Amino acid sequence: MITTVDGLRYGQIVKSIKGRDCYQYYLIVGLIGDKYLSLTDGVKHPITKPKKKNIKHVKISMSVDKDSEERLLRGEPLTNSQIKTAIERLKNQHEEGGRFHG
């Protein structure tokens, strides 16, 4: 089980496994300390108001949206529609045989 943010990347997809948002998919848009992630889904938690979530309460995917990662690292804006599209694409890859860890 992954318990620290070490090795996680911006644009990486995660799935909530605890709380009211259980089974919801998010993209990582920030790392808060050693144990928390800043997450967005582009709808309920837009890029302007990301969700803070304990890393123990998510299942980590090894899939990363490269475009989102590059934009976030360069400090360029990312739209909610781009986030929704990236989540759908990565979610479909997962359903076709990708792996989640955590």
PDB file of N, CA and C in Angstrom:
ATOM      1  N   MET A   1       0.832  -1.176   0.000  1.00  0.00           N
ATOM      2  CA  MET A   1       0.000   0.000   0.000  1.00  0.00           C
ATOM      3  C   MET A   1       0.881   1.246   0.000  1.00  0.00           C
ATOM      4  N   ILE A   2       0.528   2.206  -0.824  1.00  0.00           N
ATOM      5  CA  ILE A   2       1.264   3.459  -0.915  1.00  0.00           C
ATOM      6  C   ILE A   2       0.776   4.380   0.196  1.00  0.00           C
ATOM      7  N   THR A   3       1.709   4.871   1.020  1.00  0.00           N
ATOM      8  CA  THR A   3       1.316   5.701   2.163  1.00  0.00           C
ATOM      9  C   THR A   3       1.937   7.094   2.157  1.00  0.00           C
ATOM     10  N   THR A   4       2.810   7.388   1.189  1.00  0.00           N
ATOM     11  CA  THR A   4       3.366   8.737   1.062  1.00  0.00           C
ATOM     12  C   THR A   4       3.268   9.178  -0.392  1.00  0.00           C
ATOM     13  N   VAL A   5       3.399  10.464  -0.619  1.00  0.00           N
ATOM     14  CA  VAL A   5       3.254  11.010  -1.964  1.00  0.00           C
ATOM     15  C   VAL A   5       4.501  10.845  -2.827  1.00  0.00           C
ATOM     16  N   ASP A   6       5.566  10.294  -2.268  1.00  0.00           N
ATOM     17  CA  ASP A   6       6.796  10.095  -3.031  1.00  0.00           C
ATOM     18  C   ASP A   6       6.522   9.262  -4.278  1.00  0.00           C
ATOM     19  N   GLY A   7       6.993   9.734  -5.418  1.00  0.00           N
ATOM     20  CA  GLY A   7       6.840   8.998  -6.664  1.00  0.00           C
ATOM     21  C   GLY A   7       5.547   9.262  -7.406  1.00  0.00           C
ATOM     22  N   LEU A   8       4.615   9.985  -6.805  1.00  0.00           N
ATOM     23  CA  LEU A   8       3.379  10.307  -7.509  1.00  0.00           C
ATOM     24  C   LEU A   8       3.615  11.491  -8.422  1.00  0.00           C
ATOM     25  N   ARG A   9       2.808  11.577  -9.490  1.00  0.00           N
ATOM     26  CA  ARG A   9       3.023  12.609 -10.502  1.00  0.00           C
ATOM     27  C   ARG A   9       1.752  13.408 -10.734  1.00  0.00           C
ATOM     28  N   TYR A  10       1.924  14.659 -11.151  1.00  0.00           N
ATOM     29  CA  TYR A  10       0.781  15.457 -11.574  1.00  0.00           C
ATOM     30  C   TYR A  10       0.143  14.783 -12.778  1.00  0.00           C
ATOM     31  N   GLY A  11      -1.179  14.840 -12.860  1.00  0.00           N
ATOM     32  CA  GLY A  11      -1.883  14.230 -13.985  1.00  0.00           C
ATOM     33  C   GLY A  11      -2.141  12.746 -13.823  1.00  0.00           C
ATOM     34  N   GLN A  12      -1.730  12.180 -12.703  1.00  0.00           N
ATOM     35  CA  GLN A  12      -1.949  10.756 -12.435  1.00  0.00           C
ATOM     36  C   GLN A  12      -3.390  10.561 -11.971  1.00  0.00           C
ATOM     37  N   ILE A  13      -4.037   9.499 -12.421  1.00  0.00           N
ATOM     38  CA  ILE A  13      -5.425   9.253 -12.049  1.00  0.00           C
ATOM     39  C   ILE A  13      -5.483   8.407 -10.780  1.00  0.00           C
ATOM     40  N   VAL A  14      -6.432   8.756  -9.910  1.00  0.00           N
ATOM     41  CA  VAL A  14      -6.670   8.002  -8.680  1.00  0.00           C
ATOM     42  C   VAL A  14      -8.165   7.761  -8.539  1.00  0.00           C
ATOM     43  N   LYS A  15      -8.510   6.750  -7.757  1.00  0.00           N
ATOM     44  CA  LYS A  15      -9.906   6.421  -7.497  1.00  0.00           C
ATOM     45  C   LYS A  15     -10.130   6.462  -5.994  1.00  0.00           C
ATOM     46  N   SER A  16     -11.139   7.204  -5.566  1.00  0.00           N
ATOM     47  CA  SER A  16     -11.452   7.304  -4.142  1.00  0.00           C
ATOM     48  C   SER A  16     -11.998   5.967  -3.644  1.00  0.00           C
ATOM     49  N   ILE A  17     -11.520   5.525  -2.470  1.00  0.00           N
ATOM     50  CA  ILE A  17     -12.017   4.269  -1.895  1.00  0.00           C
ATOM     51  C   ILE A  17     -12.627   4.478  -0.517  1.00  0.00           C
ATOM     52  N   LYS A  18     -12.623   5.716  -0.012  1.00  0.00           N
ATOM     53  CA  LYS A  18     -13.218   6.043   1.286  1.00  0.00           C
ATOM     54  C   LYS A  18     -13.949   7.372   1.188  1.00  0.00           C
ATOM     55  N   GLY A  19     -15.003   7.520   1.984  1.00  0.00           N
ATOM     56  CA  GLY A  19     -15.718   8.783   2.071  1.00  0.00           C
ATOM     57  C   GLY A  19     -16.935   8.839   1.170  1.00  0.00           C
ATOM     58  N   ARG A  20     -17.591  10.000   1.192  1.00  0.00           N
ATOM     59  CA  ARG A  20     -18.808  10.211   0.400  1.00  0.00           C
ATOM     60  C   ARG A  20     -18.554  10.125  -1.096  1.00  0.00           C
ATOM     61  N   ASP A  21     -17.327  10.382  -1.498  1.00  0.00           N
ATOM     62  CA  ASP A  21     -16.984  10.360  -2.920  1.00  0.00           C
ATOM     63  C   ASP A  21     -16.414   9.015  -3.372  1.00  0.00           C
ATOM     64  N   CYS A  22     -16.699   7.975  -2.616  1.00  0.00           N
ATOM     65  CA  CYS A  22     -16.189   6.638  -2.922  1.00  0.00           C
ATOM     66  C   CYS A  22     -16.488   6.270  -4.381  1.00  0.00           C
ATOM     67  N   TYR A  23     -15.512   5.697  -5.055  1.00  0.00           N
ATOM     68  CA  TYR A  23     -15.569   5.251  -6.456  1.00  0.00           C
ATOM     69  C   TYR A  23     -15.464   6.391  -7.465  1.00  0.00           C
ATOM     70  N   GLN A  24     -15.210   7.609  -7.008  1.00  0.00           N
ATOM     71  CA  GLN A  24     -15.039   8.747  -7.908  1.00  0.00           C
ATOM     72  C   GLN A  24     -13.583   8.800  -8.379  1.00  0.00           C
ATOM     73  N   TYR A  25     -13.383   9.144  -9.640  1.00  0.00           N
ATOM     74  CA  TYR A  25     -12.043   9.278 -10.209  1.00  0.00           C
ATOM     75  C   TYR A  25     -11.598  10.736 -10.186  1.00  0.00           C
ATOM     76  N   TYR A  26     -10.307  10.953  -9.941  1.00  0.00           N
ATOM     77  CA  TYR A  26      -9.722  12.292  -9.892  1.00  0.00           C
ATOM     78  C   TYR A  26      -8.356  12.280 -10.563  1.00  0.00           C
ATOM     79  N   LEU A  27      -7.889  13.478 -10.935  1.00  0.00           N
ATOM     80  CA  LEU A  27      -6.508  13.677 -11.376  1.00  0.00           C
ATOM     81  C   LEU A  27      -5.757  14.374 -10.257  1.00  0.00           C
ATOM     82  N   ILE A  28      -4.507  13.989 -10.061  1.00  0.00           N
ATOM     83  CA  ILE A  28      -3.661  14.661  -9.083  1.00  0.00           C
ATOM     84  C   ILE A  28      -3.182  15.982  -9.683  1.00  0.00           C
ATOM     85  N   VAL A  29      -3.464  17.082  -8.977  1.00  0.00           N
ATOM     86  CA  VAL A  29      -3.002  18.397  -9.442  1.00  0.00           C
ATOM     87  C   VAL A  29      -2.066  19.047  -8.435  1.00  0.00           C
ATOM     88  N   GLY A  30      -1.849  18.375  -7.315  1.00  0.00           N
ATOM     89  CA  GLY A  30      -0.938  18.913  -6.319  1.00  0.00           C
ATOM     90  C   GLY A  30      -0.654  17.903  -5.224  1.00  0.00           C
ATOM     91  N   LEU A  31       0.461  18.094  -4.536  1.00  0.00           N
ATOM     92  CA  LEU A  31       0.852  17.253  -3.412  1.00  0.00           C
ATOM     93  C   LEU A  31       0.941  18.144  -2.183  1.00  0.00           C
ATOM     94  N   ILE A  32       0.289  17.732  -1.099  1.00  0.00           N
ATOM     95  CA  ILE A  32       0.248  18.531   0.125  1.00  0.00           C
ATOM     96  C   ILE A  32       0.945  17.745   1.225  1.00  0.00           C
ATOM     97  N   GLY A  33       2.141  18.162   1.569  1.00  0.00           N
ATOM     98  CA  GLY A  33       2.896  17.453   2.598  1.00  0.00           C
ATOM     99  C   GLY A  33       3.228  16.039   2.148  1.00  0.00           C
ATOM    100  N   ASP A  34       3.315  15.126   3.137  1.00  0.00           N
ATOM    101  CA  ASP A  34       3.664  13.738   2.842  1.00  0.00           C
ATOM    102  C   ASP A  34       2.460  12.824   2.682  1.00  0.00           C
ATOM    103  N   LYS A  35       1.283  13.266   3.108  1.00  0.00           N
ATOM    104  CA  LYS A  35       0.150  12.353   3.178  1.00  0.00           C
ATOM    105  C   LYS A  35      -1.106  12.796   2.439  1.00  0.00           C
ATOM    106  N   TYR A  36      -1.107  13.969   1.840  1.00  0.00           N
ATOM    107  CA  TYR A  36      -2.328  14.467   1.215  1.00  0.00           C
ATOM    108  C   TYR A  36      -2.115  14.822  -0.249  1.00  0.00           C
ATOM    109  N   LEU A  37      -3.202  14.665  -1.011  1.00  0.00           N
ATOM    110  CA  LEU A  37      -3.202  14.980  -2.430  1.00  0.00           C
ATOM    111  C   LEU A  37      -4.201  16.087  -2.690  1.00  0.00           C
ATOM    112  N   SER A  38      -3.934  16.890  -3.683  1.00  0.00           N
ATOM    113  CA  SER A  38      -4.870  17.882  -4.178  1.00  0.00           C
ATOM    114  C   SER A  38      -5.439  17.293  -5.468  1.00  0.00           C
ATOM    115  N   LEU A  39      -6.757  17.054  -5.486  1.00  0.00           N
ATOM    116  CA  LEU A  39      -7.392  16.313  -6.573  1.00  0.00           C
ATOM    117  C   LEU A  39      -8.478  17.134  -7.251  1.00  0.00           C
ATOM    118  N   THR A  40      -8.700  16.878  -8.523  1.00  0.00           N
ATOM    119  CA  THR A  40      -9.775  17.529  -9.260  1.00  0.00           C
ATOM    120  C   THR A  40     -10.441  16.525 -10.188  1.00  0.00           C
ATOM    121  N   ASP A  41     -11.758  16.723 -10.385  1.00  0.00           N
ATOM    122  CA  ASP A  41     -12.489  15.902 -11.348  1.00  0.00           C
ATOM    123  C   ASP A  41     -13.069  16.757 -12.471  1.00  0.00           C
ATOM    124  N   GLY A  42     -12.907  18.070 -12.379  1.00  0.00           N
ATOM    125  CA  GLY A  42     -13.398  18.968 -13.414  1.00  0.00           C
ATOM    126  C   GLY A  42     -14.874  19.274 -13.319  1.00  0.00           C
ATOM    127  N   VAL A  43     -15.581  18.687 -12.346  1.00  0.00           N
ATOM    128  CA  VAL A  43     -17.020  18.914 -12.199  1.00  0.00           C
ATOM    129  C   VAL A  43     -17.308  19.413 -10.787  1.00  0.00           C
ATOM    130  N   LYS A  44     -17.445  18.490  -9.857  1.00  0.00           N
ATOM    131  CA  LYS A  44     -17.745  18.855  -8.474  1.00  0.00           C
ATOM    132  C   LYS A  44     -16.552  19.540  -7.805  1.00  0.00           C
ATOM    133  N   HIS A  45     -15.372  19.136  -8.184  1.00  0.00           N
ATOM    134  CA  HIS A  45     -14.142  19.739  -7.671  1.00  0.00           C
ATOM    135  C   HIS A  45     -13.344  20.264  -8.866  1.00  0.00           C
ATOM    136  N   PRO A  46     -13.667  21.500  -9.295  1.00  0.00           N
ATOM    137  CA  PRO A  46     -12.966  22.071 -10.453  1.00  0.00           C
ATOM    138  C   PRO A  46     -11.515  22.402 -10.117  1.00  0.00           C
ATOM    139  N   ILE A  47     -10.770  22.733 -11.125  1.00  0.00           N
ATOM    140  CA  ILE A  47      -9.348  23.036 -10.962  1.00  0.00           C
ATOM    141  C   ILE A  47      -9.148  24.218 -10.016  1.00  0.00           C
ATOM    142  N   THR A  48     -10.117  25.121  -9.939  1.00  0.00           N
ATOM    143  CA  THR A  48      -9.995  26.284  -9.063  1.00  0.00           C
ATOM    144  C   THR A  48     -10.297  25.963  -7.603  1.00  0.00           C
ATOM    145  N   LYS A  49     -10.918  24.803  -7.349  1.00  0.00           N
ATOM    146  CA  LYS A  49     -11.252  24.404  -5.981  1.00  0.00           C
ATOM    147  C   LYS A  49     -11.004  22.903  -5.814  1.00  0.00           C
ATOM    148  N   PRO A  50      -9.734  22.476  -5.833  1.00  0.00           N
ATOM    149  CA  PRO A  50      -9.434  21.048  -5.745  1.00  0.00           C
ATOM    150  C   PRO A  50      -9.763  20.460  -4.372  1.00  0.00           C
ATOM    151  N   LYS A  51      -9.939  19.165  -4.337  1.00  0.00           N
ATOM    152  CA  LYS A  51     -10.255  18.425  -3.113  1.00  0.00           C
ATOM    153  C   LYS A  51      -8.965  17.972  -2.449  1.00  0.00           C
ATOM    154  N   LYS A  52      -8.893  18.120  -1.137  1.00  0.00           N
ATOM    155  CA  LYS A  52      -7.757  17.610  -0.363  1.00  0.00           C
ATOM    156  C   LYS A  52      -8.159  16.230   0.147  1.00  0.00           C
ATOM    157  N   LYS A  53      -7.340  15.214  -0.136  1.00  0.00           N
ATOM    158  CA  LYS A  53      -7.688  13.847   0.238  1.00  0.00           C
ATOM    159  C   LYS A  53      -6.452  13.123   0.751  1.00  0.00           C
ATOM    160  N   ASN A  54      -6.640  12.357   1.811  1.00  0.00           N
ATOM    161  CA  ASN A  54      -5.574  11.541   2.384  1.00  0.00           C
ATOM    162  C   ASN A  54      -5.187  10.462   1.379  1.00  0.00           C
ATOM    163  N   ILE A  55      -3.903  10.247   1.206  1.00  0.00           N
ATOM    164  CA  ILE A  55      -3.424   9.253   0.239  1.00  0.00           C
ATOM    165  C   ILE A  55      -3.895   7.844   0.581  1.00  0.00           C
ATOM    166  N   LYS A  56      -4.159   7.580   1.859  1.00  0.00           N
ATOM    167  CA  LYS A  56      -4.645   6.260   2.271  1.00  0.00           C
ATOM    168  C   LYS A  56      -6.067   5.998   1.793  1.00  0.00           C
ATOM    169  N   HIS A  57      -6.770   7.043   1.370  1.00  0.00           N
ATOM    170  CA  HIS A  57      -8.169   6.915   0.978  1.00  0.00           C
ATOM    171  C   HIS A  57      -8.369   6.891  -0.526  1.00  0.00           C
ATOM    172  N   VAL A  58      -7.284   6.667  -1.271  1.00  0.00           N
ATOM    173  CA  VAL A  58      -7.386   6.554  -2.723  1.00  0.00           C
ATOM    174  C   VAL A  58      -6.627   5.325  -3.212  1.00  0.00           C
ATOM    175  N   LYS A  59      -7.064   4.844  -4.350  1.00  0.00           N
ATOM    176  CA  LYS A  59      -6.370   3.757  -5.040  1.00  0.00           C
ATOM    177  C   LYS A  59      -5.605   4.415  -6.183  1.00  0.00           C
ATOM    178  N   ILE A  60      -4.310   4.186  -6.235  1.00  0.00           N
ATOM    179  CA  ILE A  60      -3.428   4.849  -7.193  1.00  0.00           C
ATOM    180  C   ILE A  60      -3.350   4.054  -8.497  1.00  0.00           C
ATOM    181  N   SER A  61      -3.480   4.749  -9.609  1.00  0.00           N
ATOM    182  CA  SER A  61      -3.278   4.142 -10.916  1.00  0.00           C
ATOM    183  C   SER A  61      -1.888   4.515 -11.397  1.00  0.00           C
ATOM    184  N   MET A  62      -1.304   3.684 -12.188  1.00  0.00           N
ATOM    185  CA  MET A  62      -0.006   4.000 -12.766  1.00  0.00           C
ATOM    186  C   MET A  62      -0.169   4.829 -14.040  1.00  0.00           C
ATOM    187  N   SER A  63      -1.409   5.095 -14.450  1.00  0.00           N
ATOM    188  CA  SER A  63      -1.680   5.881 -15.656  1.00  0.00           C
ATOM    189  C   SER A  63      -1.550   7.375 -15.373  1.00  0.00           C
ATOM    190  N   VAL A  64      -0.885   8.073 -16.277  1.00  0.00           N
ATOM    191  CA  VAL A  64      -0.678   9.521 -16.153  1.00  0.00           C
ATOM    192  C   VAL A  64      -1.090  10.171 -17.466  1.00  0.00           C
ATOM    193  N   ASP A  65      -1.835  11.267 -17.380  1.00  0.00           N
ATOM    194  CA  ASP A  65      -2.158  12.047 -18.562  1.00  0.00           C
ATOM    195  C   ASP A  65      -0.982  12.990 -18.818  1.00  0.00           C
ATOM    196  N   LYS A  66      -0.213  12.688 -19.837  1.00  0.00           N
ATOM    197  CA  LYS A  66       1.032  13.423 -20.118  1.00  0.00           C
ATOM    198  C   LYS A  66       0.775  14.905 -20.398  1.00  0.00           C
ATOM    199  N   ASP A  67      -0.290  15.211 -21.142  1.00  0.00           N
ATOM    200  CA  ASP A  67      -0.587  16.605 -21.462  1.00  0.00           C
ATOM    201  C   ASP A  67      -0.877  17.404 -20.191  1.00  0.00           C
ATOM    202  N   SER A  68      -1.698  16.856 -19.303  1.00  0.00           N
ATOM    203  CA  SER A  68      -2.017  17.536 -18.042  1.00  0.00           C
ATOM    204  C   SER A  68      -0.765  17.702 -17.188  1.00  0.00           C
ATOM    205  N   GLU A  69       0.040  16.662 -17.131  1.00  0.00           N
ATOM    206  CA  GLU A  69       1.270  16.716 -16.336  1.00  0.00           C
ATOM    207  C   GLU A  69       2.190  17.827 -16.842  1.00  0.00           C
ATOM    208  N   GLU A  70       2.385  17.888 -18.155  1.00  0.00           N
ATOM    209  CA  GLU A  70       3.274  18.905 -18.727  1.00  0.00           C
ATOM    210  C   GLU A  70       2.748  20.309 -18.477  1.00  0.00           C
ATOM    211  N   ARG A  71       1.441  20.516 -18.639  1.00  0.00           N
ATOM    212  CA  ARG A  71       0.847  21.833 -18.402  1.00  0.00           C
ATOM    213  C   ARG A  71       1.019  22.259 -16.948  1.00  0.00           C
ATOM    214  N   LEU A  72       0.750  21.340 -16.015  1.00  0.00           N
ATOM    215  CA  LEU A  72       0.865  21.668 -14.597  1.00  0.00           C
ATOM    216  C   LEU A  72       2.311  21.969 -14.208  1.00  0.00           C
ATOM    217  N   LEU A  73       3.249  21.224 -14.746  1.00  0.00           N
ATOM    218  CA  LEU A  73       4.660  21.459 -14.439  1.00  0.00           C
ATOM    219  C   LEU A  73       5.156  22.793 -15.000  1.00  0.00           C
ATOM    220  N   ARG A  74       4.614  23.202 -16.150  1.00  0.00           N
ATOM    221  CA  ARG A  74       4.998  24.486 -16.751  1.00  0.00           C
ATOM    222  C   ARG A  74       4.229  25.651 -16.146  1.00  0.00           C
ATOM    223  N   GLY A  75       3.217  25.359 -15.318  1.00  0.00           N
ATOM    224  CA  GLY A  75       2.417  26.411 -14.710  1.00  0.00           C
ATOM    225  C   GLY A  75       1.356  26.971 -15.637  1.00  0.00           C
ATOM    226  N   GLU A  76       1.046  26.247 -16.707  1.00  0.00           N
ATOM    227  CA  GLU A  76       0.032  26.690 -17.657  1.00  0.00           C
ATOM    228  C   GLU A  76      -1.353  26.309 -17.144  1.00  0.00           C
ATOM    229  N   PRO A  77      -2.371  27.065 -17.546  1.00  0.00           N
ATOM    230  CA  PRO A  77      -3.728  26.750 -17.082  1.00  0.00           C
ATOM    231  C   PRO A  77      -4.245  25.440 -17.672  1.00  0.00           C
ATOM    232  N   LEU A  78      -5.060  24.778 -16.885  1.00  0.00           N
ATOM    233  CA  LEU A  78      -5.691  23.521 -17.280  1.00  0.00           C
ATOM    234  C   LEU A  78      -7.190  23.730 -17.113  1.00  0.00           C
ATOM    235  N   THR A  79      -7.977  23.433 -18.143  1.00  0.00           N
ATOM    236  CA  THR A  79      -9.417  23.661 -18.050  1.00  0.00           C
ATOM    237  C   THR A  79     -10.129  22.433 -17.485  1.00  0.00           C
ATOM    238  N   ASN A  80     -11.317  22.672 -16.966  1.00  0.00           N
ATOM    239  CA  ASN A  80     -12.113  21.573 -16.426  1.00  0.00           C
ATOM    240  C   ASN A  80     -12.509  20.585 -17.516  1.00  0.00           C
ATOM    241  N   SER A  81     -12.743  21.059 -18.731  1.00  0.00           N
ATOM    242  CA  SER A  81     -13.091  20.144 -19.819  1.00  0.00           C
ATOM    243  C   SER A  81     -11.904  19.244 -20.181  1.00  0.00           C
ATOM    244  N   GLN A  82     -10.685  19.784 -20.117  1.00  0.00           N
ATOM    245  CA  GLN A  82      -9.492  18.970 -20.365  1.00  0.00           C
ATOM    246  C   GLN A  82      -9.345  17.901 -19.277  1.00  0.00           C
ATOM    247  N   ILE A  83      -9.656  18.269 -18.045  1.00  0.00           N
ATOM    248  CA  ILE A  83      -9.579  17.321 -16.931  1.00  0.00           C
ATOM    249  C   ILE A  83     -10.588  16.208 -17.113  1.00  0.00           C
ATOM    250  N   LYS A  84     -11.832  16.558 -17.447  1.00  0.00           N
ATOM    251  CA  LYS A  84     -12.879  15.545 -17.643  1.00  0.00           C
ATOM    252  C   LYS A  84     -12.504  14.588 -18.776  1.00  0.00           C
ATOM    253  N   THR A  85     -11.980  15.139 -19.864  1.00  0.00           N
ATOM    254  CA  THR A  85     -11.570  14.315 -21.009  1.00  0.00           C
ATOM    255  C   THR A  85     -10.436  13.369 -20.615  1.00  0.00           C
ATOM    256  N   ALA A  86      -9.461  13.875 -19.884  1.00  0.00           N
ATOM    257  CA  ALA A  86      -8.319  13.057 -19.451  1.00  0.00           C
ATOM    258  C   ALA A  86      -8.782  11.934 -18.525  1.00  0.00           C
ATOM    259  N   ILE A  87      -9.683  12.234 -17.598  1.00  0.00           N
ATOM    260  CA  ILE A  87     -10.184  11.210 -16.669  1.00  0.00           C
ATOM    261  C   ILE A  87     -10.925  10.121 -17.433  1.00  0.00           C
ATOM    262  N   GLU A  88     -11.783  10.508 -18.365  1.00  0.00           N
ATOM    263  CA  GLU A  88     -12.520   9.508 -19.155  1.00  0.00           C
ATOM    264  C   GLU A  88     -11.575   8.622 -19.944  1.00  0.00           C
ATOM    265  N   ARG A  89     -10.560   9.228 -20.576  1.00  0.00           N
ATOM    266  CA  ARG A  89      -9.601   8.453 -21.373  1.00  0.00           C
ATOM    267  C   ARG A  89      -8.818   7.474 -20.488  1.00  0.00           C
ATOM    268  N   LEU A  90      -8.330   7.956 -19.343  1.00  0.00           N
ATOM    269  CA  LEU A  90      -7.552   7.094 -18.450  1.00  0.00           C
ATOM    270  C   LEU A  90      -8.426   6.028 -17.790  1.00  0.00           C
ATOM    271  N   LYS A  91      -9.660   6.378 -17.489  1.00  0.00           N
ATOM    272  CA  LYS A  91     -10.596   5.418 -16.896  1.00  0.00           C
ATOM    273  C   LYS A  91     -10.878   4.289 -17.888  1.00  0.00           C
ATOM    274  N   ASN A  92     -11.043   4.635 -19.152  1.00  0.00           N
ATOM    275  CA  ASN A  92     -11.278   3.622 -20.182  1.00  0.00           C
ATOM    276  C   ASN A  92     -10.059   2.725 -20.358  1.00  0.00           C
ATOM    277  N   GLN A  93      -8.864   3.286 -20.280  1.00  0.00           N
ATOM    278  CA  GLN A  93      -7.644   2.479 -20.362  1.00  0.00           C
ATOM    279  C   GLN A  93      -7.592   1.488 -19.202  1.00  0.00           C
ATOM    280  N   HIS A  94      -7.977   1.960 -18.018  1.00  0.00           N
ATOM    281  CA  HIS A  94      -7.985   1.092 -16.832  1.00  0.00           C
ATOM    282  C   HIS A  94      -8.957  -0.065 -17.022  1.00  0.00           C
ATOM    283  N   GLU A  95     -10.134   0.220 -17.538  1.00  0.00           N
ATOM    284  CA  GLU A  95     -11.143  -0.819 -17.731  1.00  0.00           C
ATOM    285  C   GLU A  95     -10.720  -1.828 -18.781  1.00  0.00           C
ATOM    286  N   GLU A  96      -9.829  -1.418 -19.695  1.00  0.00           N
ATOM    287  CA  GLU A  96      -9.348  -2.317 -20.735  1.00  0.00           C
ATOM    288  C   GLU A  96      -8.153  -3.145 -20.285  1.00  0.00           C
ATOM    289  N   GLY A  97      -7.716  -2.962 -19.048  1.00  0.00           N
ATOM    290  CA  GLY A  97      -6.615  -3.800 -18.571  1.00  0.00           C
ATOM    291  C   GLY A  97      -5.541  -3.081 -17.816  1.00  0.00           C
ATOM    292  N   GLY A  98      -5.725  -1.805 -17.530  1.00  0.00           N
ATOM    293  CA  GLY A  98      -4.740  -1.074 -16.743  1.00  0.00           C
ATOM    294  C   GLY A  98      -4.757  -1.586 -15.307  1.00  0.00           C
ATOM    295  N   ARG A  99      -3.848  -1.064 -14.463  1.00  0.00           N
ATOM    296  CA  ARG A  99      -3.762  -1.534 -13.088  1.00  0.00           C
ATOM    297  C   ARG A  99      -3.811  -0.370 -12.118  1.00  0.00           C
ATOM    298  N   PHE A 100      -4.502  -0.604 -11.029  1.00  0.00           N
ATOM    299  CA  PHE A 100      -4.528   0.345  -9.919  1.00  0.00           C
ATOM    300  C   PHE A 100      -3.775  -0.262  -8.770  1.00  0.00           C
ATOM    301  N   HIS A 101      -3.054   0.545  -8.023  1.00  0.00           N
ATOM    302  CA  HIS A 101      -2.300   0.095  -6.852  1.00  0.00           C
ATOM    303  C   HIS A 101      -2.690   0.948  -5.675  1.00  0.00           C
ATOM    304  N   GLY A 102      -2.501   0.414  -4.481  1.00  0.00           N
ATOM    305  CA  GLY A 102      -2.754   1.275  -3.332  1.00  0.00           C
ATOM    306  C   GLY A 102      -3.390   0.607  -2.176  1.00  0.00           C
TER     307      GLY A 102
END
